[in-house]
Each structure stands twice: as structure tokens, then as C-alpha cells.
């Protein structure tokens, strides 16, 4: 294993190049996994234009746009870390509306968002056609280890200290959930690409000696 420091700009360029070179059957389903403090949504968003510049149609989907209704999500309270870890994201909806249609035998008709948690109602988003050869980037927390069908997995790793420092104080109640995820799932042990993100200005790629994609 080798840890290779890289600039944020170079990280985006290198990852976009690797994803653009991947040749799955149908469309490429990519997880950009990490705690909010690690910035998975920002990294996925930054990949959109470089991938398009390389000729790959792209759709970015945020896991937070596939949350369950508040009546289900918050049944055990608004700050319950176990509920946050185990049941906030509608994984069945994410699979049904995004990952399966983007799979080898899928239609390519994807829903970019399912639920608007701010107003607690369906987002009423229109379906998007992603042609063969396209890339769907799904970003958010707790995406790995649950059986969701991704072709490439990227995990943004934070040390416990960095996670604690960089998490919004109002979200400190989520920290035990990420401790559980690290302990029970250990995403850094099997993700195709692991990026250490303790300092957002100085990320580093953890290399195992094999190409991750």
C-alpha cells in the first residue's frame, strides 16, 4: 500500500480520466461515498464537466435526494444516530430509480431525485435518459457494504479526529453512526479507490498496487 499526496484539482482530473476509460456493459455506476464533512457531493459535482469533456454523458445523483419521508426517517427522533445509519436513505428507491435502470440490462431512464426532505414531499423530478456509455455518480454517506450495485466505488476517508473537527457542531450527533460504519463495514478496506481527505487542501490517494477501475 502506498499513500500518494495529490492536489484537489489533480485528484478530479485523475479520477475523471480513470472513469472515462472504464468500459462496463451499459452505463457506469459510481459511488462517491463519505461523511458530509469529507465532501462527497462536491467531489461528484466536480467530476461532471471533466467527464463530459471526455465524451461521457453524466448524471449526478445525491443520496440525500433519496431520503425516506420524515414520518419514517424520524420515527426514533431527529438525532438518533442508529436510525440515521440504518434507515434514512431509501436504498430500495435508489436501486429502483437509478442503479437498476443504469445497469447492464437497464432502460437508462433514471430519476435524479425522489424526495425533497426540506418540504417532506416527492420531488416531482422528471426522468432523465442516460445513454449507453454514460456515467451516473451517486454521492453520499453509507453507500457501501449494503449490496447496492455499483461498478466503481470511491470512498473518502476521514480519521476520527478529522471527522470530529470538520463535522458541523449541529451534526455532532451523527458521529457514532460513522464510527459504526467504519467498524462494521470498513469501506476503506474494499473500495476501488480510497482518498484520505483529512485536509481538503491536501488529499491523498491510497494505492494498493492495482488499478482501482
Foldseek 3Di string as FASTA:
>chain_A
DDKFKDFLVVVLLVVLVLLLPDADQFEAEEEQAEAVLLPSLVSLVSNQVSNVVSVAHEAEAEQQLQFDFCVQQQVVHDLAQVSVLPHGGPLVCCLVAPVVLRDNPHVQWHFRGAADRVVRGGPPGHTDRGGGRHYYYYYYYNPPDPPRDGPAYEYEDEDLVLCCVRDDPVNNSNSVSVVCCCVVVVCVVDGLWYWHRSDVRIIITDDPPDRSD
